[in-house]
Amino acid sequence: MGLRSAERLRAAEDVVAQLRDELARVGVTLPSLRVDPVSAASDAPYPLIDLGRCNMDTAMRLVAFLCEARR
């Protein structure tokens, strides 16, 4: 049995909050991070997470973190 619409949205919002917190711990802020409203309104099993836009400094910090994590 799949999640109801409200449960799917709540689960997606929880993931966004967790991702925002974890990114903040490594100094990365994605200002447009959110649940995609179009997919949240659809019948998809889970809404998409919109990572959004960020400036070049934020992108470089994210790249640096990912490179370090891969090592």
Protein backbone atom coordinates (compact mmCIF):
# COMPACT_ATOMS: atom_id res chain seq x y z
CA MET A 1 0.00 0.00 0.00
CA GLY A 2 1.46 3.36 -0.99
CA LEU A 3 1.66 6.49 1.05
CA ARG A 4 -1.24 8.93 0.91
CA SER A 5 -0.66 12.33 -0.66
CA ALA A 6 -0.21 14.15 2.68
CA GLU A 7 2.19 11.45 3.91
CA ARG A 8 4.25 11.67 0.71
CA LEU A 9 4.50 15.43 1.03
CA ARG A 10 5.44 15.22 4.71
CA ALA A 11 8.11 12.58 3.93
CA ALA A 12 9.55 14.77 1.17
CA GLU A 13 9.57 17.83 3.43
CA ASP A 14 11.40 15.80 6.10
CA VAL A 15 14.03 14.76 3.57
CA VAL A 16 14.48 18.38 2.46
CA ALA A 17 14.95 19.47 6.08
CA GLN A 18 17.48 16.69 6.72
CA LEU A 19 19.38 17.51 3.53
CA ARG A 20 19.41 21.22 4.38
CA ASP A 21 20.78 20.44 7.88
CA GLU A 22 23.47 18.07 6.61
CA LEU A 23 24.59 20.47 3.89
CA ALA A 24 24.76 23.29 6.45
CA ARG A 25 27.08 21.15 8.59
CA VAL A 26 29.63 21.17 5.77
CA GLY A 27 29.10 24.85 4.97
CA VAL A 28 26.86 24.46 1.92
CA THR A 29 23.56 26.32 1.56
CA LEU A 30 21.29 25.68 -1.40
CA PRO A 31 18.89 28.63 -1.18
CA SER A 32 16.32 27.14 -3.54
CA LEU A 33 16.22 23.67 -1.94
CA ARG A 34 12.57 22.60 -1.73
CA VAL A 35 9.97 20.00 -2.58
CA ASP A 36 9.02 20.36 -6.24
CA PRO A 37 5.41 21.58 -6.15
CA VAL A 38 4.41 20.03 -9.49
CA SER A 39 5.54 16.53 -8.58
CA ALA A 40 4.10 16.92 -5.07
CA ALA A 41 0.66 17.44 -6.64
CA SER A 42 0.96 14.42 -8.95
CA ASP A 43 0.31 10.73 -8.36
CA ALA A 44 4.06 9.92 -8.40
CA PRO A 45 5.12 7.65 -5.54
CA TYR A 46 7.25 10.43 -4.07
CA PRO A 47 7.63 14.11 -4.93
CA LEU A 48 10.88 15.24 -6.50
CA ILE A 49 13.33 17.29 -4.47
CA ASP A 50 14.35 20.47 -6.28
CA LEU A 51 17.97 21.25 -5.41
CA GLY A 52 17.48 24.59 -7.09
CA ARG A 53 19.95 27.20 -8.09
CA CYS A 54 23.08 28.26 -6.26
CA ASN A 55 25.92 30.68 -6.83
CA MET A 56 29.37 29.62 -8.00
CA ASP A 57 30.88 29.78 -4.51
CA THR A 58 28.27 27.35 -3.19
CA ALA A 59 28.80 25.02 -6.15
CA MET A 60 32.57 25.06 -5.56
CA ARG A 61 32.10 24.25 -1.85
CA LEU A 62 29.80 21.38 -2.75
CA VAL A 63 32.31 20.03 -5.28
CA ALA A 64 35.11 20.29 -2.70
CA PHE A 65 33.06 18.42 -0.11
CA LEU A 66 32.08 15.68 -2.54
CA CYS A 67 35.68 15.23 -3.69
CA GLU A 68 36.83 14.96 -0.08
CA ALA A 69 34.04 12.51 0.78
CA ARG A 70 35.00 10.29 -2.15
CA ARG A 71 38.56 9.85 -0.80
